[in-house]
């Protein structure tokens, strides 16, 4: 027989174990704990991995912890780590340069040797920037290049896609190739991609297809001008053959599809030849691909925006290719090698300055696209707190998506979420989602004026992305008052699987936010 006192002791011990297992860090009677437990008890998360850590941003007091040390796949919330480390390691005023250089003399209007086009990884270079480089060269009086046009992308290694990236994502712009010499189609700066514009032609005839910027792709179109259909644009895996099919209605506006390209360096070289020709400069030789000699002198330069300025399109729109350019740039600066492994080594060496232990995580890329990346809510919360003391913090904080703010360049990936709630205009956080993965980590101020940092990570669910659960957690934090329960807050989605797994991607990757 177990004595009454021993039985009570066992029950108390058991209750403590259960409390630790379910993760509530505060007393079970605490209204915030009870409400968060209830929200995270949604049936769609049954048998899934759920982590949530909430701390006071200023004191570090732990308000809630469920699986805080457990490692999760972070999806795009990994960009918090990459961006903070890049600010710390490269500096907010970092710029990339794209140069025209030569080792040959200029005689009259003739450059007597090769012309080198050298990139250092600028993910924001537009067609207009290459036109400007050509104009700068023309302004020197050069009209003929006697040698070859040499495209130099050697600042980064030749590995175009990250470890653990899905092969079937390769044609999509959010999984584009990383190159030190690349191009973006517009001011979203989706480097390594182009926009295929399909417009109606004469009724019953072929549709019109245009590529922007006008790089040399192999467009094979069977698309027609007819009502009642839709347009499909698909790039064949491992090639620059683009199949356009379907139909577009007479009088309809152009339909734009973003696609990645194969070997952006080669396409940039072809495009730059057109820029030179448009400025009256003829290149007599062919196109070559090799490093620029150290003895080369610079004839013209384009400098990118600063990293501080890049933060806005990078974080607001969750741009994967910015993250990868930053990782390889870190590798080049700290280890003389513009590769993912060298960049990750640099990232890990800088993380302790940001309140994070690199031994508790694995990263293989900068964007979170790799399914091999694993990080914990504790790591994110530590980084979010440590970043507040950095001189670059305000720029980083301002670049985070803001809940419920409809302007795309303010609300970013949170522009359509939590409008009309206590989180709207308040919560600033990085989103992340892929099939079976969703996360939200950032800052929010509660109703008492208390500044909080939090990291919510959900893995291995089989429903559609439960963003309503994330929103309910975020709104509960934003509306929290000490000692007051809010049982009315709950997730509201109808359980079910997505008909198309691509709908579970980060919204900016589908241009839906």
Protein backbone atom coordinates (compact mmCIF):
# COMPACT_ATOMS: atom_id res chain seq x y z
CA UNK A 1 0.00 0.00 0.00
CA UNK A 2 1.26 3.52 -0.92
CA UNK A 3 0.94 6.07 1.85
CA UNK A 4 -1.24 9.12 1.34
CA UNK A 5 1.78 11.46 1.55
CA UNK A 6 3.79 9.36 -0.90
CA UNK A 7 0.82 9.20 -3.28
CA UNK A 8 0.53 12.98 -3.18
CA UNK A 9 4.25 13.30 -3.86
CA UNK A 10 4.02 10.95 -6.86
CA UNK A 11 1.06 12.85 -8.27
CA UNK A 12 2.93 16.13 -7.85
CA UNK A 13 5.98 14.70 -9.59
CA UNK A 14 3.83 13.34 -12.40
CA UNK A 15 2.11 16.71 -12.86
CA UNK A 16 5.50 18.41 -13.11
CA UNK A 17 6.64 15.92 -15.76
CA UNK A 18 3.45 16.43 -17.74
CA UNK A 19 3.83 20.20 -17.47
CA UNK A 20 7.39 20.01 -18.78
CA UNK A 21 6.36 17.68 -21.59
CA UNK A 22 3.55 19.89 -22.82
CA UNK A 23 5.87 22.84 -22.54
CA UNK A 24 4.05 25.42 -20.45
CA UNK A 25 6.83 27.28 -18.68
CA UNK A 26 4.59 29.30 -16.39
CA UNK A 27 2.17 28.02 -13.79
CA UNK A 28 -0.72 26.04 -15.32
CA UNK A 29 -3.16 28.59 -13.87
CA UNK A 30 -1.57 31.43 -15.85
CA UNK A 31 -4.16 32.66 -18.39
CA UNK A 32 -1.61 33.20 -21.18
CA UNK A 33 -0.27 29.68 -20.77
CA UNK A 34 -3.75 28.19 -20.72
CA UNK A 35 -4.83 30.10 -23.82
CA UNK A 36 -1.70 29.24 -25.79
CA UNK A 37 -2.01 25.58 -24.81
CA UNK A 38 -5.60 25.62 -26.04
CA UNK A 39 -4.73 27.24 -29.37
CA UNK A 40 -1.86 24.81 -29.96
CA UNK A 41 -4.16 21.91 -29.05
CA UNK A 42 -5.87 22.22 -32.45
CA UNK A 43 -6.57 18.78 -33.90
CA UNK A 44 -4.63 19.61 -37.07
CA UNK A 45 -1.44 19.63 -34.99
CA UNK A 46 -2.08 16.21 -33.45
CA UNK A 47 1.03 14.04 -33.97
CA UNK A 48 2.85 17.06 -35.43
CA UNK A 49 5.94 18.78 -34.05
CA UNK A 50 5.04 22.04 -32.28
CA UNK A 51 7.44 24.53 -30.72
CA UNK A 52 6.74 27.92 -29.19
CA UNK A 53 8.94 30.13 -27.02
CA UNK A 54 7.93 33.58 -25.74
CA UNK A 55 10.22 35.84 -23.72
CA UNK A 56 10.22 39.39 -22.47
CA UNK A 57 12.43 41.16 -25.01
CA UNK A 58 14.08 43.37 -22.40
CA UNK A 59 14.47 41.18 -19.31
CA UNK A 60 14.60 37.78 -21.00
CA UNK A 61 11.93 36.42 -18.63
CA UNK A 62 10.45 33.21 -20.03
CA UNK A 63 6.69 33.48 -20.48
CA UNK A 64 6.02 30.27 -22.40
CA UNK A 65 8.07 27.37 -23.71
CA UNK A 66 7.00 24.27 -25.58
CA UNK A 67 9.77 22.21 -27.18
CA UNK A 68 12.05 25.24 -27.10
CA UNK A 69 15.26 23.25 -27.57
CA UNK A 70 13.81 20.92 -30.21
CA UNK A 71 15.15 21.43 -33.71
CA UNK A 72 12.64 22.13 -36.49
CA UNK A 73 12.86 22.78 -40.21
CA UNK A 74 12.59 26.57 -40.30
CA UNK A 75 11.62 27.30 -43.93
CA UNK A 76 12.05 31.04 -44.59
CA UNK A 77 12.43 32.03 -40.96
CA UNK A 78 16.06 30.95 -41.52
CA UNK A 79 16.41 34.33 -43.24
CA UNK A 80 16.36 35.96 -39.81
CA UNK A 81 19.64 34.21 -39.05
CA UNK A 82 21.16 34.89 -42.47
CA UNK A 83 20.22 38.58 -42.54
CA UNK A 84 21.39 39.27 -38.99
CA UNK A 85 24.71 37.50 -39.56
CA UNK A 86 25.20 39.32 -42.87
CA UNK A 87 24.64 42.67 -41.16
CA UNK A 88 27.11 41.67 -38.48
CA UNK A 89 29.69 40.18 -40.85
CA UNK A 90 29.44 42.24 -44.04
CA UNK A 91 28.06 45.45 -42.53
CA UNK A 92 24.93 47.38 -43.43
CA UNK A 93 26.80 49.50 -46.00
CA UNK A 94 28.10 46.48 -47.95
CA UNK A 95 27.72 46.78 -51.72
CA UNK A 96 28.42 44.43 -54.62
CA UNK A 97 30.25 45.67 -57.72
CA UNK A 98 29.99 44.63 -61.36
CA UNK A 99 32.98 45.75 -63.42
CA UNK A 100 34.18 46.04 -66.97
CA UNK A 101 37.92 45.45 -67.07
CA UNK A 102 40.75 44.69 -69.49
CA UNK A 103 44.46 44.01 -69.69
CA UNK A 104 44.65 45.34 -73.25
CA UNK A 105 45.52 48.84 -74.42
CA UNK A 106 43.03 51.16 -76.10
CA UNK A 107 44.15 52.55 -79.44
CA UNK A 108 41.86 55.21 -80.73
CA UNK A 109 38.35 53.72 -80.68
CA UNK A 110 39.61 50.14 -80.40
CA UNK A 111 40.17 47.98 -77.32
CA UNK A 112 42.96 45.71 -78.55
CA UNK A 113 42.12 42.65 -76.45
CA UNK A 114 39.49 41.00 -74.27
CA UNK A 115 36.77 42.79 -72.35
CA UNK A 116 35.96 41.24 -68.97
CA UNK A 117 32.52 41.49 -67.38
CA UNK A 118 33.17 40.61 -63.73
CA UNK A 119 30.45 40.05 -61.12
CA UNK A 120 30.74 39.74 -57.36
CA UNK A 121 27.28 38.38 -56.60
CA UNK A 122 24.98 41.41 -56.87
CA UNK A 123 21.45 39.92 -56.71
CA UNK A 124 19.85 43.23 -57.75
CA UNK A 125 21.43 43.80 -61.18
CA UNK A 126 18.83 44.78 -63.77
CA UNK A 127 19.06 44.93 -67.57
CA UNK A 128 19.25 48.72 -67.20
CA UNK A 129 22.39 48.34 -65.09
CA UNK A 130 24.12 46.36 -67.85
CA UNK A 131 23.00 49.03 -70.33
CA UNK A 132 24.60 51.63 -68.07
CA UNK A 133 27.89 49.71 -68.02
CA UNK A 134 27.84 49.64 -71.81
CA UNK A 135 27.13 53.39 -71.85
CA UNK A 136 30.08 54.02 -69.51
CA UNK A 137 32.36 52.11 -71.88
CA UNK A 138 31.00 53.99 -74.89
CA UNK A 139 31.69 57.26 -73.08
CA UNK A 140 35.41 56.37 -73.07
CA UNK A 141 35.36 56.39 -76.89
CA UNK A 142 35.67 52.61 -77.39
CA UNK A 143 33.71 51.38 -80.41
CA UNK A 144 35.37 48.04 -81.15
CA UNK A 145 36.57 45.24 -78.86
CA UNK A 146 39.14 43.24 -80.83
CA UNK A 147 39.16 40.34 -78.41
CA UNK A 148 36.41 38.31 -76.72
CA UNK A 149 33.73 39.23 -74.24
CA UNK A 150 34.74 37.29 -71.11
CA UNK A 151 32.07 36.65 -68.48
CA UNK A 152 33.66 36.22 -65.05
CA UNK A 153 31.49 34.68 -62.33
CA UNK A 154 34.44 33.22 -60.40
CA UNK A 155 33.75 35.29 -57.26
CA UNK A 156 31.37 32.47 -56.32
CA UNK A 157 31.88 28.77 -56.90
CA UNK A 158 30.20 26.94 -59.77
CA UNK A 159 27.58 25.10 -57.67
CA UNK A 160 24.27 26.67 -58.74
CA UNK A 161 21.74 25.02 -56.39
CA UNK A 162 21.79 24.43 -52.66
CA UNK A 163 22.23 21.15 -50.79
CA UNK A 164 18.90 19.51 -50.07
CA UNK A 165 16.93 21.55 -52.62
CA UNK A 166 14.19 19.64 -54.45
CA UNK A 167 14.99 18.85 -58.07
CA UNK A 168 11.41 19.52 -59.16
CA UNK A 169 11.55 23.08 -57.79
CA UNK A 170 14.46 23.91 -60.10
CA UNK A 171 12.37 25.66 -62.85
CA UNK A 172 10.61 27.95 -60.36
CA UNK A 173 11.93 31.43 -59.63
CA UNK A 174 12.06 30.88 -55.85
CA UNK A 175 14.60 28.10 -56.49
CA UNK A 176 16.80 29.92 -59.01
CA UNK A 177 20.49 29.35 -59.59
CA UNK A 178 23.01 31.41 -57.63
CA UNK A 179 25.75 33.04 -59.69
CA UNK A 180 28.19 35.86 -59.12
CA UNK A 181 27.08 37.29 -62.47
CA UNK A 182 23.32 37.29 -62.70
CA UNK A 183 20.26 39.39 -63.53
CA UNK A 184 16.87 40.23 -62.01
CA UNK A 185 13.74 40.96 -64.07
CA UNK A 186 12.24 43.74 -61.93
CA UNK A 187 12.58 45.57 -58.63
CA UNK A 188 11.48 42.57 -56.60
CA UNK A 189 15.04 41.54 -57.53
CA UNK A 190 14.39 37.83 -58.11
CA UNK A 191 17.86 37.19 -59.46
CA UNK A 192 18.43 34.31 -61.85
CA UNK A 193 14.89 34.61 -63.17
CA UNK A 194 12.94 36.15 -66.03
CA UNK A 195 9.30 37.05 -66.65
CA UNK A 196 7.54 35.34 -69.53
CA UNK A 197 4.76 37.65 -70.72
CA UNK A 198 1.95 36.08 -72.76
CA UNK A 199 -0.47 38.45 -74.53
CA UNK A 200 -3.37 37.82 -76.92
CA UNK A 201 -2.79 38.14 -80.63
CA UNK A 202 -5.43 38.04 -83.35
CA UNK A 203 -8.47 35.96 -82.36
CA UNK A 204 -7.87 32.37 -83.38
CA UNK A 205 -4.19 33.01 -83.98
CA UNK A 206 -1.08 32.43 -81.86
CA UNK A 207 -0.57 34.27 -78.61
CA UNK A 208 2.33 36.71 -78.36
CA UNK A 209 5.21 35.75 -76.05
CA UNK A 210 7.86 38.11 -74.71
CA UNK A 211 10.72 37.52 -72.28
CA UNK A 212 11.76 40.26 -69.87
CA UNK A 213 14.67 40.91 -69.68
CA UNK A 214 15.24 39.78 -73.28
CA UNK A 215 17.71 36.96 -72.68
CA UNK A 216 18.09 34.21 -75.25
CA UNK A 217 15.72 31.42 -74.21
CA UNK A 218 14.38 28.74 -76.53
CA UNK A 219 10.66 29.60 -76.50
CA UNK A 220 8.44 26.87 -77.92
CA UNK A 221 4.87 28.12 -77.92
CA UNK A 222 1.62 26.49 -78.98
CA UNK A 223 -0.43 29.07 -77.05
CA UNK A 224 -3.40 30.50 -78.94
CA UNK A 225 -5.71 33.50 -78.70
CA UNK A 226 -9.06 32.04 -77.66
CA UNK A 227 -11.54 32.29 -74.82
CA UNK A 228 -12.11 29.76 -72.08
CA UNK A 229 -8.57 28.54 -71.48
CA UNK A 230 -5.50 29.28 -69.42
CA UNK A 231 -1.79 29.69 -70.04
CA UNK A 232 0.94 27.30 -68.91
CA UNK A 233 4.63 28.26 -68.92
CA UNK A 234 7.10 25.50 -68.10
CA UNK A 235 10.89 25.42 -68.38
CA UNK A 236 12.23 21.97 -69.17
CA UNK A 237 14.43 20.67 -66.35
CA UNK A 238 18.14 21.39 -66.82
CA UNK A 239 17.67 23.51 -69.94
CA UNK A 240 16.54 26.88 -71.24
CA UNK A 241 13.77 25.38 -73.35
CA UNK A 242 10.51 27.03 -72.30
CA UNK A 243 7.18 25.50 -73.34
CA UNK A 244 4.20 27.86 -73.51
CA UNK A 245 0.79 26.29 -74.08
CA UNK A 246 -2.92 26.88 -73.56
CA UNK A 247 -4.94 29.91 -74.59
CA UNK A 248 -5.52 33.52 -73.61
CA UNK A 249 -8.72 35.42 -74.36
CA UNK A 250 -8.81 38.18 -77.01
CA UNK A 251 -8.50 41.57 -75.35
CA UNK A 252 -7.12 40.12 -72.11
CA UNK A 253 -4.22 41.77 -70.37
CA UNK A 254 -0.79 40.14 -70.48
CA UNK A 255 -0.21 37.18 -68.19
CA UNK A 256 3.16 37.16 -66.44
CA UNK A 257 4.94 34.02 -65.22
CA UNK A 258 8.22 34.14 -63.32
CA UNK A 259 10.63 31.30 -64.11
CA UNK A 260 14.24 30.59 -63.24
CA UNK A 261 16.85 30.20 -65.96
CA UNK A 262 19.64 27.73 -66.50
CA UNK A 263 23.18 29.17 -66.40
CA UNK A 264 22.41 32.84 -65.71
CA UNK A 265 26.04 33.79 -66.41
CA UNK A 266 25.79 32.72 -70.05
CA UNK A 267 22.47 34.50 -70.49
CA UNK A 268 23.90 37.70 -68.97
CA UNK A 269 26.83 37.52 -71.41
CA UNK A 270 24.42 37.30 -74.34
CA UNK A 271 22.32 40.15 -73.01
CA UNK A 272 25.37 42.35 -72.43
CA UNK A 273 26.47 41.84 -76.03
CA UNK A 274 23.11 43.37 -77.01
CA UNK A 275 23.72 46.26 -74.61
CA UNK A 276 27.11 46.91 -76.19
CA UNK A 277 25.67 46.76 -79.71
CA UNK A 278 22.91 49.20 -78.74
CA UNK A 279 25.62 51.66 -77.66
CA UNK A 280 27.51 51.25 -80.93
CA UNK A 281 30.21 48.88 -79.63
CA UNK A 282 31.16 45.79 -81.66
CA UNK A 283 32.83 42.74 -80.09
CA UNK A 284 34.91 41.01 -82.76
CA UNK A 285 35.65 37.88 -80.75
CA UNK A 286 33.40 35.24 -79.21
CA UNK A 287 32.24 34.77 -75.65
CA UNK A 288 34.47 33.13 -73.05
CA UNK A 289 34.09 32.27 -69.37
CA UNK A 290 37.07 32.63 -67.04
CA UNK A 291 38.48 34.73 -64.22
CA UNK A 292 39.67 38.27 -64.75
CA UNK A 293 43.47 38.62 -64.42
CA UNK A 294 44.59 40.45 -61.29
CA UNK A 295 46.48 42.92 -63.47
CA UNK A 296 43.32 44.04 -65.25
CA UNK A 297 42.33 47.68 -64.97
CA UNK A 298 38.71 48.71 -64.46
CA UNK A 299 37.00 50.64 -67.25
CA UNK A 300 33.50 50.94 -65.81
CA UNK A 301 31.70 49.95 -62.61
CA UNK A 302 28.18 49.44 -61.36
CA UNK A 303 27.68 49.47 -57.58
CA UNK A 304 24.63 47.87 -56.01
CA UNK A 305 22.36 49.28 -53.35
CA UNK A 306 23.61 48.80 -49.80
CA UNK A 307 22.76 45.74 -47.75
CA UNK A 308 20.73 48.06 -45.49
CA UNK A 309 18.55 48.95 -48.50
CA UNK A 310 18.40 45.35 -49.72
CA UNK A 311 16.84 44.26 -46.42
CA UNK A 312 13.43 45.56 -47.50
CA UNK A 313 12.89 43.39 -50.61
CA UNK A 314 14.83 40.57 -48.96
CA UNK A 315 12.78 40.27 -45.77
CA UNK A 316 9.45 41.83 -46.74
CA UNK A 317 9.17 39.59 -49.81
CA UNK A 318 11.16 36.62 -48.46
CA UNK A 319 13.57 36.58 -51.39
CA UNK A 320 15.51 33.31 -51.42
CA UNK A 321 18.20 34.40 -53.83
CA UNK A 322 19.21 37.38 -51.69
CA UNK A 323 19.85 34.96 -48.83
CA UNK A 324 22.07 32.74 -50.98
CA UNK A 325 24.06 35.69 -52.34
CA UNK A 326 24.68 36.79 -48.75
CA UNK A 327 25.83 33.35 -47.64
CA UNK A 328 28.29 33.01 -50.52
CA UNK A 329 29.48 36.59 -49.98
CA UNK A 330 30.21 35.76 -46.34
CA UNK A 331 32.18 32.72 -47.45
CA UNK A 332 34.19 34.81 -49.89
CA UNK A 333 34.99 37.47 -47.29
CA UNK A 334 35.92 35.19 -44.40
CA UNK A 335 37.33 32.12 -46.15
CA UNK A 336 38.24 33.32 -49.66
CA UNK A 337 35.66 30.97 -51.17
CA UNK A 338 32.21 31.99 -52.39
CA UNK A 339 30.51 28.70 -51.59
CA UNK A 340 27.69 27.51 -49.37
CA UNK A 341 29.99 25.48 -47.06
CA UNK A 342 32.39 28.43 -46.61
CA UNK A 343 29.46 30.80 -46.06
CA UNK A 344 27.91 28.56 -43.44
CA UNK A 345 31.26 28.31 -41.64
CA UNK A 346 31.40 32.10 -41.55
CA UNK A 347 27.80 32.25 -40.32
CA UNK A 348 28.54 29.79 -37.52
CA UNK A 349 31.61 31.75 -36.42
CA UNK A 350 29.53 34.95 -36.13
CA UNK A 351 26.47 33.46 -34.42
CA UNK A 352 27.82 33.64 -30.84
CA UNK A 353 27.88 37.45 -31.24
CA UNK A 354 24.13 37.20 -31.82
CA UNK A 355 23.07 35.17 -28.81
CA UNK A 356 22.98 31.84 -30.68
CA UNK A 357 24.96 28.63 -30.27
CA UNK A 358 25.95 27.20 -33.68
CA UNK A 359 26.40 23.75 -32.12
CA UNK A 360 22.64 23.54 -31.61
CA UNK A 361 21.68 23.93 -35.30
CA UNK A 362 22.43 22.90 -38.86
CA UNK A 363 22.19 25.18 -41.87
CA UNK A 364 23.10 24.23 -45.43
CA UNK A 365 21.85 27.34 -47.21
CA UNK A 366 20.76 30.87 -46.36
CA UNK A 367 17.09 30.83 -47.33
CA UNK A 368 15.69 27.78 -45.54
CA UNK A 369 14.80 26.04 -48.80
CA UNK A 370 16.97 23.07 -47.82
CA UNK A 371 15.05 20.36 -46.02
CA UNK A 372 18.27 19.64 -44.12
CA UNK A 373 18.21 22.94 -42.19
CA UNK A 374 17.22 22.53 -38.53
CA UNK A 375 17.00 25.26 -35.86
CA UNK A 376 15.20 25.64 -32.55
CA UNK A 377 12.75 28.22 -31.19
CA UNK A 378 15.26 28.94 -28.41
CA UNK A 379 17.90 29.88 -31.00
CA UNK A 380 15.56 32.28 -32.78
CA UNK A 381 14.43 33.94 -29.56
CA UNK A 382 18.05 34.35 -28.42
CA UNK A 383 18.97 35.96 -31.74
CA UNK A 384 15.92 38.25 -31.70
CA UNK A 385 16.85 39.51 -28.24
CA UNK A 386 20.56 39.95 -28.99
CA UNK A 387 19.86 41.83 -32.23
CA UNK A 388 18.15 44.63 -30.29
CA UNK A 389 21.54 45.77 -28.99
CA UNK A 390 23.16 46.01 -32.43
CA UNK A 391 23.72 49.36 -34.19
CA UNK A 392 21.98 48.00 -37.32
CA UNK A 393 18.91 46.77 -35.42
CA UNK A 394 16.47 49.51 -36.43
CA UNK A 395 17.05 48.92 -40.15
CA UNK A 396 16.59 45.17 -39.67
CA UNK A 397 13.49 45.63 -37.52
CA UNK A 398 11.94 48.05 -40.04
CA UNK A 399 12.51 45.54 -42.86
CA UNK A 400 10.47 42.78 -41.20
CA UNK A 401 6.91 42.19 -42.48
CA UNK A 402 4.28 44.01 -40.40
CA UNK A 403 0.96 42.29 -39.69
CA UNK A 404 -2.15 43.68 -41.36
CA UNK A 405 -0.43 46.50 -43.27
CA UNK A 406 -1.82 46.30 -46.82
CA UNK A 407 1.07 48.02 -48.60
CA UNK A 408 3.20 45.23 -50.04
CA UNK A 409 6.42 47.07 -49.19
CA UNK A 410 5.33 47.49 -45.57
CA UNK A 411 3.26 44.43 -44.71
CA UNK A 412 5.21 42.08 -46.95
CA UNK A 413 4.25 38.45 -46.37
CA UNK A 414 2.01 39.51 -43.45
CA UNK A 415 0.05 42.13 -45.37
CA UNK A 416 -3.10 39.98 -45.59
CA UNK A 417 -2.92 38.57 -42.07
CA UNK A 418 -4.27 39.72 -38.68
CA UNK A 419 -5.89 42.92 -40.01
CA UNK A 420 -8.20 44.54 -37.48
CA UNK A 421 -6.60 42.77 -34.51
CA UNK A 422 -4.27 43.84 -31.74
CA UNK A 423 -1.39 42.46 -33.85
CA UNK A 424 -2.07 44.72 -36.85
CA UNK A 425 0.58 47.40 -37.25
CA UNK A 426 2.26 45.97 -34.16
CA UNK A 427 3.68 42.53 -34.82
CA UNK A 428 6.86 42.39 -36.92
CA UNK A 429 7.96 38.91 -37.82
CA UNK A 430 9.47 36.65 -40.45
CA UNK A 431 7.17 34.08 -41.98
CA UNK A 432 8.13 30.71 -43.40
CA UNK A 433 6.21 27.90 -45.04
CA UNK A 434 6.73 24.87 -47.22
CA UNK A 435 4.68 21.71 -47.45
CA UNK A 436 4.38 20.36 -43.91
CA UNK A 437 6.30 23.33 -42.44
CA UNK A 438 5.16 26.69 -41.13
CA UNK A 439 6.81 29.17 -38.79
CA UNK A 440 6.55 32.71 -37.49
CA UNK A 441 9.24 34.42 -35.42
CA UNK A 442 9.63 38.03 -34.37
CA UNK A 443 8.51 40.87 -32.13
CA UNK A 444 5.20 42.02 -30.68
CA UNK A 445 4.15 44.46 -27.95
CA UNK A 446 1.31 43.31 -25.68
CA UNK A 447 -1.61 45.34 -24.33
CA UNK A 448 0.39 46.22 -21.21
CA UNK A 449 3.16 47.73 -23.34
CA UNK A 450 5.48 44.79 -22.66
CA UNK A 451 7.82 44.03 -25.57
CA UNK A 452 7.96 40.33 -26.43
CA UNK A 453 10.05 38.12 -28.67
CA UNK A 454 8.65 34.81 -29.86
CA UNK A 455 9.29 31.89 -32.16
CA UNK A 456 6.53 29.52 -33.27
CA UNK A 457 7.54 26.50 -35.36
CA UNK A 458 5.20 23.84 -36.75
CA UNK A 459 6.46 20.76 -38.60
CA UNK A 460 5.02 17.54 -39.98
CA UNK A 461 1.36 18.53 -40.19
CA UNK A 462 -0.65 17.01 -43.04
CA UNK A 463 -3.35 19.68 -43.32
CA UNK A 464 -3.07 22.81 -45.41
CA UNK A 465 -0.82 25.42 -43.81
CA UNK A 466 -2.39 26.31 -40.42
CA UNK A 467 -1.65 30.04 -40.63
CA UNK A 468 -4.82 30.69 -38.64
CA UNK A 469 -3.20 28.91 -35.67
CA UNK A 470 -0.11 31.10 -35.99
CA UNK A 471 -2.32 34.18 -36.21
CA UNK A 472 -4.32 33.16 -33.13
CA UNK A 473 -1.08 32.76 -31.15
CA UNK A 474 0.22 36.11 -32.41
CA UNK A 475 -3.02 37.96 -31.63
CA UNK A 476 -3.13 36.38 -28.16
CA UNK A 477 0.37 37.71 -27.46
CA UNK A 478 -0.47 41.14 -28.83
CA UNK A 479 -3.65 41.45 -26.75
CA UNK A 480 -2.24 39.96 -23.52
CA UNK A 481 -2.88 41.72 -20.24
CA UNK A 482 -1.46 40.34 -17.05
CA UNK A 483 -3.89 37.94 -15.39
CA UNK A 484 -6.61 38.13 -18.05
CA UNK A 485 -7.71 35.07 -20.02
CA UNK A 486 -9.02 35.42 -23.58
CA UNK A 487 -10.75 32.12 -24.31
CA UNK A 488 -12.54 33.52 -27.36
CA UNK A 489 -9.33 33.59 -29.42
CA UNK A 490 -9.10 30.48 -31.58
CA UNK A 491 -8.00 29.23 -34.95
CA UNK A 492 -10.78 29.18 -37.52
CA UNK A 493 -9.62 27.29 -40.60
CA UNK A 494 -11.53 24.28 -41.92
CA UNK A 495 -9.25 21.24 -41.58
CA UNK A 496 -8.17 19.62 -44.81
CA UNK A 497 -5.26 19.03 -47.14
CA UNK A 498 -4.27 21.39 -49.91
CA UNK A 499 -5.33 20.26 -53.35
CA UNK A 500 -2.03 21.67 -54.63
CA UNK A 501 1.03 21.44 -52.33
CA UNK A 502 2.44 24.58 -53.98
CA UNK A 503 -0.30 26.54 -52.25
CA UNK A 504 1.56 25.73 -49.02
CA UNK A 505 4.63 27.69 -50.11
CA UNK A 506 5.64 31.06 -48.73
CA UNK A 507 3.04 33.41 -50.24
CA UNK A 508 5.63 35.63 -51.91
CA UNK A 509 6.98 32.61 -53.78
CA UNK A 510 3.64 32.32 -55.55
CA UNK A 511 3.26 36.14 -55.85
CA UNK A 512 0.03 35.86 -53.86
CA UNK A 513 0.99 38.47 -51.25
